[in-house]
Amino acid sequence: MRKLEGFFDVSYDSSRKLIKITTYGFWNLQVVEQFAQAIADISRVADDGCDTLLNTCRTEIHTLEVSEALGRISYPNRDANSGRIAIVSPSMLLRMQTKRIQPPDGNFGYFDTEQEALQWLAAA
């Protein structure tokens, strides 16, 4: 597990083939850089085609600069053989921000609770 206290936790559950990401707070570019490294590290050990659960319930709306930097993290991995991505975010504005940076052909689901997201991932 990679963790930056107060900003994110990133872990991989190999038995469930699930990357779990929880984000917190208001980010700056330094946090994005550390997050990118954590994602790269976990991607090296995760199985191809694994699912991802992203919980943004404790995340603030990001600046445009941070949002664009987050989008650049996903760009190099857009052709990777990834599974479904469940995003937990009760904030409509944060959902819109997340949708803006995701690849258009991804298999994404948006949920109000982590339980709903996990049920959707398990139903695959």
C-alpha atoms as a PDB file:
ATOM      1  CA  MET A   1       0.000   0.000   0.000  1.00  0.00           C
ATOM      2  CA  ARG A   2       1.193   3.507  -0.826  1.00  0.00           C
ATOM      3  CA  LYS A   3      -0.109   6.343   1.284  1.00  0.00           C
ATOM      4  CA  LEU A   4       0.384  10.076   1.464  1.00  0.00           C
ATOM      5  CA  GLU A   5      -1.173  11.007   4.780  1.00  0.00           C
ATOM      6  CA  GLY A   6      -4.115  13.311   4.320  1.00  0.00           C
ATOM      7  CA  PHE A   7      -4.214  12.963   0.515  1.00  0.00           C
ATOM      8  CA  PHE A   8      -4.476   9.362  -0.725  1.00  0.00           C
ATOM      9  CA  ASP A   9      -4.241   5.630  -0.066  1.00  0.00           C
ATOM     10  CA  VAL A  10      -3.511   3.227  -2.939  1.00  0.00           C
ATOM     11  CA  SER A  11      -3.551  -0.552  -2.461  1.00  0.00           C
ATOM     12  CA  TYR A  12      -4.000  -3.759  -4.428  1.00  0.00           C
ATOM     13  CA  ASP A  13      -6.032  -6.770  -3.300  1.00  0.00           C
ATOM     14  CA  SER A  14      -4.695  -9.653  -5.403  1.00  0.00           C
ATOM     15  CA  SER A  15      -7.381 -12.084  -4.194  1.00  0.00           C
ATOM     16  CA  ARG A  16     -10.100  -9.795  -5.589  1.00  0.00           C
ATOM     17  CA  LYS A  17      -7.966  -8.387  -8.421  1.00  0.00           C
ATOM     18  CA  LEU A  18      -8.923  -4.916  -7.226  1.00  0.00           C
ATOM     19  CA  ILE A  19      -6.954  -1.693  -7.026  1.00  0.00           C
ATOM     20  CA  LYS A  20      -8.443   0.468  -4.288  1.00  0.00           C
ATOM     21  CA  ILE A  21      -7.798   4.204  -4.265  1.00  0.00           C
ATOM     22  CA  THR A  22      -9.119   6.633  -1.671  1.00  0.00           C
ATOM     23  CA  THR A  23      -8.448  10.337  -2.060  1.00  0.00           C
ATOM     24  CA  TYR A  24      -8.704  13.155   0.471  1.00  0.00           C
ATOM     25  CA  GLY A  25      -8.454  16.912   0.626  1.00  0.00           C
ATOM     26  CA  PHE A  26      -7.378  19.648  -1.739  1.00  0.00           C
ATOM     27  CA  TRP A  27      -4.398  18.716  -3.914  1.00  0.00           C
ATOM     28  CA  ASN A  28      -1.507  20.633  -5.392  1.00  0.00           C
ATOM     29  CA  LEU A  29       0.874  19.534  -8.172  1.00  0.00           C
ATOM     30  CA  GLN A  30       3.315  17.957  -5.696  1.00  0.00           C
ATOM     31  CA  VAL A  31       0.548  15.648  -4.433  1.00  0.00           C
ATOM     32  CA  VAL A  32      -0.360  14.760  -8.031  1.00  0.00           C
ATOM     33  CA  GLU A  33       3.270  13.815  -8.705  1.00  0.00           C
ATOM     34  CA  GLN A  34       3.385  11.539  -5.653  1.00  0.00           C
ATOM     35  CA  PHE A  35       0.002  10.065  -6.599  1.00  0.00           C
ATOM     36  CA  ALA A  36       1.267   9.335 -10.121  1.00  0.00           C
ATOM     37  CA  GLN A  37       4.215   7.445  -8.635  1.00  0.00           C
ATOM     38  CA  ALA A  38       1.929   5.445  -6.344  1.00  0.00           C
ATOM     39  CA  ILE A  39      -0.294   4.513  -9.318  1.00  0.00           C
ATOM     40  CA  ALA A  40       2.749   3.490 -11.376  1.00  0.00           C
ATOM     41  CA  ASP A  41       4.056   1.347  -8.501  1.00  0.00           C
ATOM     42  CA  ILE A  42       0.740  -0.432  -7.945  1.00  0.00           C
ATOM     43  CA  SER A  43       0.230  -0.960 -11.684  1.00  0.00           C
ATOM     44  CA  ARG A  44       3.476  -2.949 -11.852  1.00  0.00           C
ATOM     45  CA  VAL A  45       2.191  -5.520  -9.351  1.00  0.00           C
ATOM     46  CA  ALA A  46      -1.495  -5.599 -10.308  1.00  0.00           C
ATOM     47  CA  ASP A  47      -2.900  -8.257 -12.635  1.00  0.00           C
ATOM     48  CA  ASP A  48      -3.902  -7.249 -16.161  1.00  0.00           C
ATOM     49  CA  GLY A  49      -7.615  -6.590 -16.383  1.00  0.00           C
ATOM     50  CA  CYS A  50      -8.057  -5.882 -12.680  1.00  0.00           C
ATOM     51  CA  ASP A  51     -10.856  -3.591 -11.561  1.00  0.00           C
ATOM     52  CA  THR A  52     -10.402  -0.280  -9.768  1.00  0.00           C
ATOM     53  CA  LEU A  53     -12.420   1.274  -6.961  1.00  0.00           C
ATOM     54  CA  LEU A  54     -11.837   5.019  -6.618  1.00  0.00           C
ATOM     55  CA  ASN A  55     -13.428   6.672  -3.595  1.00  0.00           C
ATOM     56  CA  THR A  56     -13.375  10.473  -3.832  1.00  0.00           C
ATOM     57  CA  CYS A  57     -15.915  11.186  -1.067  1.00  0.00           C
ATOM     58  CA  ARG A  58     -13.389  13.125   0.993  1.00  0.00           C
ATOM     59  CA  THR A  59     -11.814  15.007  -1.913  1.00  0.00           C
ATOM     60  CA  GLU A  60     -12.172  18.714  -2.597  1.00  0.00           C
ATOM     61  CA  ILE A  61     -12.852  20.093  -6.070  1.00  0.00           C
ATOM     62  CA  HIS A  62      -9.442  20.534  -7.739  1.00  0.00           C
ATOM     63  CA  THR A  63      -8.016  23.530  -9.528  1.00  0.00           C
ATOM     64  CA  LEU A  64      -7.915  23.324 -13.319  1.00  0.00           C
ATOM     65  CA  GLU A  65      -4.128  22.871 -13.141  1.00  0.00           C
ATOM     66  CA  VAL A  66      -4.440  19.861 -10.816  1.00  0.00           C
ATOM     67  CA  SER A  67      -7.331  18.405 -12.816  1.00  0.00           C
ATOM     68  CA  GLU A  68      -5.290  18.591 -16.028  1.00  0.00           C
ATOM     69  CA  ALA A  69      -2.289  16.992 -14.300  1.00  0.00           C
ATOM     70  CA  LEU A  70      -4.506  14.124 -13.120  1.00  0.00           C
ATOM     71  CA  GLY A  71      -5.715  13.683 -16.690  1.00  0.00           C
ATOM     72  CA  ARG A  72      -2.111  13.341 -17.866  1.00  0.00           C
ATOM     73  CA  ILE A  73      -1.605  10.473 -15.398  1.00  0.00           C
ATOM     74  CA  SER A  74      -4.321   8.419 -17.052  1.00  0.00           C
ATOM     75  CA  TYR A  75      -3.259   9.199 -20.635  1.00  0.00           C
ATOM     76  CA  PRO A  76      -0.207   6.864 -20.777  1.00  0.00           C
ATOM     77  CA  ASN A  77      -2.344   4.022 -19.390  1.00  0.00           C
ATOM     78  CA  ARG A  78      -5.354   4.521 -21.655  1.00  0.00           C
ATOM     79  CA  ASP A  79      -4.472   1.532 -23.855  1.00  0.00           C
ATOM     80  CA  ALA A  80      -3.730  -0.765 -20.912  1.00  0.00           C
ATOM     81  CA  ASN A  81      -5.850  -3.866 -20.435  1.00  0.00           C
ATOM     82  CA  SER A  82      -7.788  -2.550 -17.475  1.00  0.00           C
ATOM     83  CA  GLY A  83     -10.991  -3.794 -15.947  1.00  0.00           C
ATOM     84  CA  ARG A  84     -13.951  -1.734 -14.859  1.00  0.00           C
ATOM     85  CA  ILE A  85     -13.557   1.415 -12.812  1.00  0.00           C
ATOM     86  CA  ALA A  86     -16.072   2.259 -10.091  1.00  0.00           C
ATOM     87  CA  ILE A  87     -15.953   5.846  -8.886  1.00  0.00           C
ATOM     88  CA  VAL A  88     -17.616   6.770  -5.601  1.00  0.00           C
ATOM     89  CA  SER A  89     -18.445  10.458  -5.496  1.00  0.00           C
ATOM     90  CA  PRO A  90     -21.613  12.024  -4.126  1.00  0.00           C
ATOM     91  CA  SER A  91     -20.570  15.418  -5.520  1.00  0.00           C
ATOM     92  CA  MET A  92     -21.985  16.109  -8.988  1.00  0.00           C
ATOM     93  CA  LEU A  93     -19.283  18.720  -9.617  1.00  0.00           C
ATOM     94  CA  LEU A  94     -16.509  16.271  -8.727  1.00  0.00           C
ATOM     95  CA  ARG A  95     -18.145  13.632 -10.973  1.00  0.00           C
ATOM     96  CA  MET A  96     -18.162  16.098 -13.854  1.00  0.00           C
ATOM     97  CA  GLN A  97     -14.510  16.901 -13.194  1.00  0.00           C
ATOM     98  CA  THR A  98     -13.638  13.193 -13.154  1.00  0.00           C
ATOM     99  CA  LYS A  99     -15.569  12.491 -16.356  1.00  0.00           C
ATOM    100  CA  ARG A 100     -13.661  15.262 -18.091  1.00  0.00           C
ATOM    101  CA  ILE A 101     -10.288  13.555 -17.540  1.00  0.00           C
ATOM    102  CA  GLN A 102     -11.270   9.943 -18.234  1.00  0.00           C
ATOM    103  CA  PRO A 103     -10.740   8.212 -21.595  1.00  0.00           C
ATOM    104  CA  PRO A 104     -13.955   8.213 -23.645  1.00  0.00           C
ATOM    105  CA  ASP A 105     -13.997   4.444 -24.192  1.00  0.00           C
ATOM    106  CA  GLY A 106     -13.490   3.385 -20.564  1.00  0.00           C
ATOM    107  CA  ASN A 107     -15.849   1.130 -18.624  1.00  0.00           C
ATOM    108  CA  PHE A 108     -16.766   3.489 -15.771  1.00  0.00           C
ATOM    109  CA  GLY A 109     -19.562   3.505 -13.215  1.00  0.00           C
ATOM    110  CA  TYR A 110     -20.443   6.304 -10.793  1.00  0.00           C
ATOM    111  CA  PHE A 111     -21.885   5.584  -7.366  1.00  0.00           C
ATOM    112  CA  ASP A 112     -22.955   7.344  -4.192  1.00  0.00           C
ATOM    113  CA  THR A 113     -21.571   4.654  -1.864  1.00  0.00           C
ATOM    114  CA  GLU A 114     -18.643   2.260  -1.838  1.00  0.00           C
ATOM    115  CA  GLN A 115     -21.031  -0.661  -1.236  1.00  0.00           C
ATOM    116  CA  GLU A 116     -22.923   0.113  -4.476  1.00  0.00           C
ATOM    117  CA  ALA A 117     -19.622   0.358  -6.352  1.00  0.00           C
ATOM    118  CA  LEU A 118     -18.354  -2.979  -5.020  1.00  0.00           C
ATOM    119  CA  GLN A 119     -21.642  -4.684  -5.934  1.00  0.00           C
ATOM    120  CA  TRP A 120     -21.358  -3.347  -9.496  1.00  0.00           C
ATOM    121  CA  LEU A 121     -17.771  -4.564  -9.781  1.00  0.00           C
ATOM    122  CA  ALA A 122     -18.692  -8.011  -8.396  1.00  0.00           C
ATOM    123  CA  ALA A 123     -21.514  -8.366 -10.919  1.00  0.00           C
ATOM    124  CA  ALA A 124     -19.096  -8.417 -13.871  1.00  0.00           C
END
